[in-house]
């Protein structure tokens, strides 16, 4: 989980393109954030859950 836990991988992370640049915020908390920030309320996106499961599943040797 430590390799995946950051705001950019959370389902509540939102990005808005504005004239002065990009705006990153958490739709759950209502705060501006950065992609690499970490909060305890992290709720990973579905594709991140799949990657975490794949990484934690032992791979068979062919």
PDB file of N, CA and C in Angstrom:
ATOM      1  N   UNK A   1       0.825  -1.195   0.000  1.00  0.00           N
ATOM      2  CA  UNK A   1       0.000   0.000   0.000  1.00  0.00           C
ATOM      3  C   UNK A   1       0.866   1.255   0.000  1.00  0.00           C
ATOM      4  N   UNK A   2       2.020   1.208   0.646  1.00  0.00           N
ATOM      5  CA  UNK A   2       2.859   2.399   0.728  1.00  0.00           C
ATOM      6  C   UNK A   2       3.298   2.900  -0.642  1.00  0.00           C
ATOM      7  N   UNK A   3       3.393   2.004  -1.613  1.00  0.00           N
ATOM      8  CA  UNK A   3       3.790   2.408  -2.958  1.00  0.00           C
ATOM      9  C   UNK A   3       2.660   3.111  -3.709  1.00  0.00           C
ATOM     10  N   UNK A   4       1.444   2.970  -3.250  1.00  0.00           N
ATOM     11  CA  UNK A   4       0.280   3.499  -3.954  1.00  0.00           C
ATOM     12  C   UNK A   4      -0.413   4.649  -3.225  1.00  0.00           C
ATOM     13  N   UNK A   5      -0.218   4.768  -1.913  1.00  0.00           N
ATOM     14  CA  UNK A   5      -0.972   5.718  -1.095  1.00  0.00           C
ATOM     15  C   UNK A   5      -0.533   7.154  -1.352  1.00  0.00           C
ATOM     16  N   UNK A   6      -1.338   7.886  -2.096  1.00  0.00           N
ATOM     17  CA  UNK A   6      -1.169   9.323  -2.286  1.00  0.00           C
ATOM     18  C   UNK A   6      -2.474   9.860  -2.870  1.00  0.00           C
ATOM     19  N   UNK A   7      -2.649  11.159  -2.808  1.00  0.00           N
ATOM     20  CA  UNK A   7      -3.903  11.758  -3.272  1.00  0.00           C
ATOM     21  C   UNK A   7      -4.220  11.432  -4.732  1.00  0.00           C
ATOM     22  N   UNK A   8      -3.216  11.399  -5.584  1.00  0.00           N
ATOM     23  CA  UNK A   8      -3.454  11.167  -7.011  1.00  0.00           C
ATOM     24  C   UNK A   8      -4.086   9.806  -7.291  1.00  0.00           C
ATOM     25  N   UNK A   9      -3.966   8.848  -6.377  1.00  0.00           N
ATOM     26  CA  UNK A   9      -4.538   7.520  -6.577  1.00  0.00           C
ATOM     27  C   UNK A   9      -5.874   7.346  -5.855  1.00  0.00           C
ATOM     28  N   UNK A  10      -6.376   8.404  -5.250  1.00  0.00           N
ATOM     29  CA  UNK A  10      -7.644   8.348  -4.501  1.00  0.00           C
ATOM     30  C   UNK A  10      -8.822   8.681  -5.412  1.00  0.00           C
ATOM     31  N   UNK A  11      -9.929   8.015  -5.173  1.00  0.00           N
ATOM     32  CA  UNK A  11     -11.120   8.250  -5.990  1.00  0.00           C
ATOM     33  C   UNK A  11     -11.714   9.654  -5.794  1.00  0.00           C
ATOM     34  N   UNK A  12     -11.317  10.357  -4.752  1.00  0.00           N
ATOM     35  CA  UNK A  12     -11.836  11.698  -4.470  1.00  0.00           C
ATOM     36  C   UNK A  12     -10.933  12.809  -4.998  1.00  0.00           C
ATOM     37  N   UNK A  13      -9.802  12.444  -5.601  1.00  0.00           N
ATOM     38  CA  UNK A  13      -8.854  13.411  -6.152  1.00  0.00           C
ATOM     39  C   UNK A  13      -9.409  13.956  -7.460  1.00  0.00           C
ATOM     40  N   UNK A  14      -9.504  15.267  -7.568  1.00  0.00           N
ATOM     41  CA  UNK A  14     -10.049  15.920  -8.759  1.00  0.00           C
ATOM     42  C   UNK A  14      -9.048  16.942  -9.287  1.00  0.00           C
ATOM     43  N   UNK A  15      -9.067  17.126 -10.603  1.00  0.00           N
ATOM     44  CA  UNK A  15      -8.173  18.061 -11.272  1.00  0.00           C
ATOM     45  C   UNK A  15      -9.004  19.002 -12.121  1.00  0.00           C
ATOM     46  N   UNK A  16      -8.716  20.296 -12.015  1.00  0.00           N
ATOM     47  CA  UNK A  16      -9.367  21.297 -12.855  1.00  0.00           C
ATOM     48  C   UNK A  16      -8.286  22.105 -13.555  1.00  0.00           C
ATOM     49  N   UNK A  17      -8.436  22.291 -14.847  1.00  0.00           N
ATOM     50  CA  UNK A  17      -7.507  23.126 -15.593  1.00  0.00           C
ATOM     51  C   UNK A  17      -8.057  24.545 -15.593  1.00  0.00           C
ATOM     52  N   UNK A  18      -7.253  25.469 -15.100  1.00  0.00           N
ATOM     53  CA  UNK A  18      -7.662  26.870 -15.053  1.00  0.00           C
ATOM     54  C   UNK A  18      -6.667  27.695 -15.849  1.00  0.00           C
ATOM     55  N   UNK A  19      -7.008  28.936 -16.120  1.00  0.00           N
ATOM     56  CA  UNK A  19      -6.139  29.817 -16.889  1.00  0.00           C
ATOM     57  C   UNK A  19      -4.757  29.966 -16.285  1.00  0.00           C
ATOM     58  N   UNK A  20      -4.671  29.969 -14.963  1.00  0.00           N
ATOM     59  CA  UNK A  20      -3.385  30.142 -14.280  1.00  0.00           C
ATOM     60  C   UNK A  20      -2.689  28.820 -13.982  1.00  0.00           C
ATOM     61  N   UNK A  21      -3.245  27.710 -14.421  1.00  0.00           N
ATOM     62  CA  UNK A  21      -2.616  26.405 -14.209  1.00  0.00           C
ATOM     63  C   UNK A  21      -3.612  25.366 -13.734  1.00  0.00           C
ATOM     64  N   UNK A  22      -3.074  24.297 -13.195  1.00  0.00           N
ATOM     65  CA  UNK A  22      -3.907  23.184 -12.729  1.00  0.00           C
ATOM     66  C   UNK A  22      -4.292  23.383 -11.274  1.00  0.00           C
ATOM     67  N   UNK A  23      -5.510  22.972 -10.933  1.00  0.00           N
ATOM     68  CA  UNK A  23      -6.007  23.027  -9.569  1.00  0.00           C
ATOM     69  C   UNK A  23      -6.324  21.595  -9.136  1.00  0.00           C
ATOM     70  N   UNK A  24      -5.682  21.136  -8.065  1.00  0.00           N
ATOM     71  CA  UNK A  24      -5.893  19.793  -7.535  1.00  0.00           C
ATOM     72  C   UNK A  24      -6.637  19.918  -6.216  1.00  0.00           C
ATOM     73  N   UNK A  25      -7.692  19.113  -6.031  1.00  0.00           N
ATOM     74  CA  UNK A  25      -8.439  19.188  -4.776  1.00  0.00           C
ATOM     75  C   UNK A  25      -9.086  17.856  -4.437  1.00  0.00           C
ATOM     76  N   UNK A  26      -9.452  17.722  -3.187  1.00  0.00           N
ATOM     77  CA  UNK A  26     -10.141  16.538  -2.701  1.00  0.00           C
ATOM     78  C   UNK A  26     -11.633  16.850  -2.641  1.00  0.00           C
ATOM     79  N   UNK A  27     -12.431  16.097  -3.381  1.00  0.00           N
ATOM     80  CA  UNK A  27     -13.871  16.346  -3.385  1.00  0.00           C
ATOM     81  C   UNK A  27     -14.523  15.919  -2.072  1.00  0.00           C
ATOM     82  N   UNK A  28     -13.891  15.018  -1.334  1.00  0.00           N
ATOM     83  CA  UNK A  28     -14.421  14.583  -0.041  1.00  0.00           C
ATOM     84  C   UNK A  28     -14.175  15.635   1.034  1.00  0.00           C
ATOM     85  N   UNK A  29     -12.933  16.095   1.116  1.00  0.00           N
ATOM     86  CA  UNK A  29     -12.571  17.061   2.147  1.00  0.00           C
ATOM     87  C   UNK A  29     -12.856  18.506   1.754  1.00  0.00           C
ATOM     88  N   UNK A  30     -12.882  18.767   0.446  1.00  0.00           N
ATOM     89  CA  UNK A  30     -13.099  20.126  -0.023  1.00  0.00           C
ATOM     90  C   UNK A  30     -11.858  20.996   0.053  1.00  0.00           C
ATOM     91  N   UNK A  31     -10.692  20.374   0.185  1.00  0.00           N
ATOM     92  CA  UNK A  31      -9.427  21.093   0.308  1.00  0.00           C
ATOM     93  C   UNK A  31      -8.631  21.011  -0.983  1.00  0.00           C
ATOM     94  N   UNK A  32      -7.824  22.054  -1.216  1.00  0.00           N
ATOM     95  CA  UNK A  32      -6.834  21.983  -2.274  1.00  0.00           C
ATOM     96  C   UNK A  32      -5.742  21.029  -1.799  1.00  0.00           C
ATOM     97  N   UNK A  33      -5.195  20.260  -2.696  1.00  0.00           N
ATOM     98  CA  UNK A  33      -4.179  19.276  -2.344  1.00  0.00           C
ATOM     99  C   UNK A  33      -3.150  19.196  -3.459  1.00  0.00           C
ATOM    100  N   UNK A  34      -2.221  18.318  -3.330  1.00  0.00           N
ATOM    101  CA  UNK A  34      -1.213  18.033  -4.351  1.00  0.00           C
ATOM    102  C   UNK A  34      -1.246  16.537  -4.626  1.00  0.00           C
ATOM    103  N   UNK A  35      -0.859  16.101  -5.830  1.00  0.00           N
ATOM    104  CA  UNK A  35      -0.920  14.674  -6.162  1.00  0.00           C
ATOM    105  C   UNK A  35      -0.138  13.772  -5.208  1.00  0.00           C
ATOM    106  N   UNK A  36       0.970  14.253  -4.649  1.00  0.00           N
ATOM    107  CA  UNK A  36       1.796  13.402  -3.793  1.00  0.00           C
ATOM    108  C   UNK A  36       1.460  13.503  -2.306  1.00  0.00           C
ATOM    109  N   UNK A  37       0.500  14.308  -1.911  1.00  0.00           N
ATOM    110  CA  UNK A  37       0.101  14.407  -0.509  1.00  0.00           C
ATOM    111  C   UNK A  37      -0.563  13.107  -0.069  1.00  0.00           C
ATOM    112  N   UNK A  38      -0.574  12.880   1.253  1.00  0.00           N
ATOM    113  CA  UNK A  38      -1.199  11.687   1.824  1.00  0.00           C
ATOM    114  C   UNK A  38      -2.088  12.081   2.993  1.00  0.00           C
ATOM    115  N   UNK A  39      -3.299  11.532   3.019  1.00  0.00           N
ATOM    116  CA  UNK A  39      -4.229  11.744   4.120  1.00  0.00           C
ATOM    117  C   UNK A  39      -4.755  10.391   4.587  1.00  0.00           C
ATOM    118  N   UNK A  40      -5.210  10.308   5.809  1.00  0.00           N
ATOM    119  CA  UNK A  40      -5.718   9.055   6.374  1.00  0.00           C
ATOM    120  C   UNK A  40      -7.048   8.623   5.773  1.00  0.00           C
ATOM    121  N   UNK A  41      -7.718   9.507   5.086  1.00  0.00           N
ATOM    122  CA  UNK A  41      -9.029   9.177   4.510  1.00  0.00           C
ATOM    123  C   UNK A  41      -8.903   8.579   3.111  1.00  0.00           C
ATOM    124  N   UNK A  42      -7.715   8.192   2.700  1.00  0.00           N
ATOM    125  CA  UNK A  42      -7.443   7.696   1.363  1.00  0.00           C
ATOM    126  C   UNK A  42      -8.370   6.545   0.989  1.00  0.00           C
ATOM    127  N   UNK A  43      -8.991   6.651  -0.169  1.00  0.00           N
ATOM    128  CA  UNK A  43      -9.882   5.625  -0.709  1.00  0.00           C
ATOM    129  C   UNK A  43      -9.449   5.372  -2.154  1.00  0.00           C
ATOM    130  N   UNK A  44      -8.669   4.323  -2.393  1.00  0.00           N
ATOM    131  CA  UNK A  44      -8.058   4.132  -3.715  1.00  0.00           C
ATOM    132  C   UNK A  44      -9.064   3.913  -4.840  1.00  0.00           C
ATOM    133  N   UNK A  45      -8.662   4.365  -6.034  1.00  0.00           N
ATOM    134  CA  UNK A  45      -9.446   4.133  -7.240  1.00  0.00           C
ATOM    135  C   UNK A  45      -9.453   2.641  -7.539  1.00  0.00           C
ATOM    136  N   UNK A  46     -10.442   2.188  -8.282  1.00  0.00           N
ATOM    137  CA  UNK A  46     -10.589   0.761  -8.590  1.00  0.00           C
ATOM    138  C   UNK A  46      -9.352   0.191  -9.281  1.00  0.00           C
ATOM    139  N   UNK A  47      -8.792   0.925 -10.238  1.00  0.00           N
ATOM    140  CA  UNK A  47      -7.608   0.407 -10.934  1.00  0.00           C
ATOM    141  C   UNK A  47      -6.401   0.317 -10.005  1.00  0.00           C
ATOM    142  N   UNK A  48      -6.342   1.149  -8.983  1.00  0.00           N
ATOM    143  CA  UNK A  48      -5.254   1.088  -7.999  1.00  0.00           C
ATOM    144  C   UNK A  48      -5.430  -0.137  -7.108  1.00  0.00           C
ATOM    145  N   UNK A  49      -6.669  -0.438  -6.737  1.00  0.00           N
ATOM    146  CA  UNK A  49      -6.949  -1.647  -5.949  1.00  0.00           C
ATOM    147  C   UNK A  49      -6.511  -2.879  -6.728  1.00  0.00           C
ATOM    148  N   UNK A  50      -6.820  -2.909  -8.018  1.00  0.00           N
ATOM    149  CA  UNK A  50      -6.423  -4.045  -8.850  1.00  0.00           C
ATOM    150  C   UNK A  50      -4.899  -4.166  -8.926  1.00  0.00           C
ATOM    151  N   UNK A  51      -4.196  -3.054  -9.057  1.00  0.00           N
ATOM    152  CA  UNK A  51      -2.731  -3.090  -9.095  1.00  0.00           C
ATOM    153  C   UNK A  51      -2.154  -3.572  -7.770  1.00  0.00           C
ATOM    154  N   UNK A  52      -2.732  -3.123  -6.657  1.00  0.00           N
ATOM    155  CA  UNK A  52      -2.262  -3.560  -5.342  1.00  0.00           C
ATOM    156  C   UNK A  52      -2.484  -5.055  -5.173  1.00  0.00           C
ATOM    157  N   UNK A  53      -3.650  -5.540  -5.587  1.00  0.00           N
ATOM    158  CA  UNK A  53      -3.937  -6.977  -5.492  1.00  0.00           C
ATOM    159  C   UNK A  53      -2.985  -7.786  -6.366  1.00  0.00           C
ATOM    160  N   UNK A  54      -2.726  -7.293  -7.559  1.00  0.00           N
ATOM    161  CA  UNK A  54      -1.817  -7.981  -8.472  1.00  0.00           C
ATOM    162  C   UNK A  54      -0.404  -8.032  -7.890  1.00  0.00           C
ATOM    163  N   UNK A  55       0.032  -6.946  -7.290  1.00  0.00           N
ATOM    164  CA  UNK A  55       1.369  -6.895  -6.706  1.00  0.00           C
ATOM    165  C   UNK A  55       1.498  -7.824  -5.507  1.00  0.00           C
ATOM    166  N   UNK A  56       0.421  -7.998  -4.759  1.00  0.00           N
ATOM    167  CA  UNK A  56       0.446  -8.825  -3.553  1.00  0.00           C
ATOM    168  C   UNK A  56       0.152 -10.296  -3.828  1.00  0.00           C
ATOM    169  N   UNK A  57      -0.224 -10.631  -5.059  1.00  0.00           N
ATOM    170  CA  UNK A  57      -0.514 -12.018  -5.419  1.00  0.00           C
ATOM    171  C   UNK A  57       0.766 -12.698  -5.878  1.00  0.00           C
ATOM    172  N   UNK A  58       1.102 -13.819  -5.265  1.00  0.00           N
ATOM    173  CA  UNK A  58       2.310 -14.531  -5.703  1.00  0.00           C
ATOM    174  C   UNK A  58       2.178 -14.942  -7.164  1.00  0.00           C
ATOM    175  N   UNK A  59       3.229 -14.725  -7.928  1.00  0.00           N
ATOM    176  CA  UNK A  59       3.242 -15.067  -9.352  1.00  0.00           C
ATOM    177  C   UNK A  59       3.809 -16.470  -9.509  1.00  0.00           C
ATOM    178  N   UNK A  60       3.183 -17.272 -10.364  1.00  0.00           N
ATOM    179  CA  UNK A  60       3.681 -18.619 -10.654  1.00  0.00           C
ATOM    180  C   UNK A  60       4.796 -18.529 -11.681  1.00  0.00           C
ATOM    181  N   UNK A  61       5.809 -19.347 -11.520  1.00  0.00           N
ATOM    182  CA  UNK A  61       6.887 -19.441 -12.502  1.00  0.00           C
ATOM    183  C   UNK A  61       6.394 -20.265 -13.677  1.00  0.00           C
ATOM    184  N   UNK A  62       6.698 -19.803 -14.863  1.00  0.00           N
ATOM    185  CA  UNK A  62       6.290 -20.553 -16.071  1.00  0.00           C
ATOM    186  C   UNK A  62       7.376 -21.490 -16.492  1.00  0.00           C
TER     187      UNK A  62
END
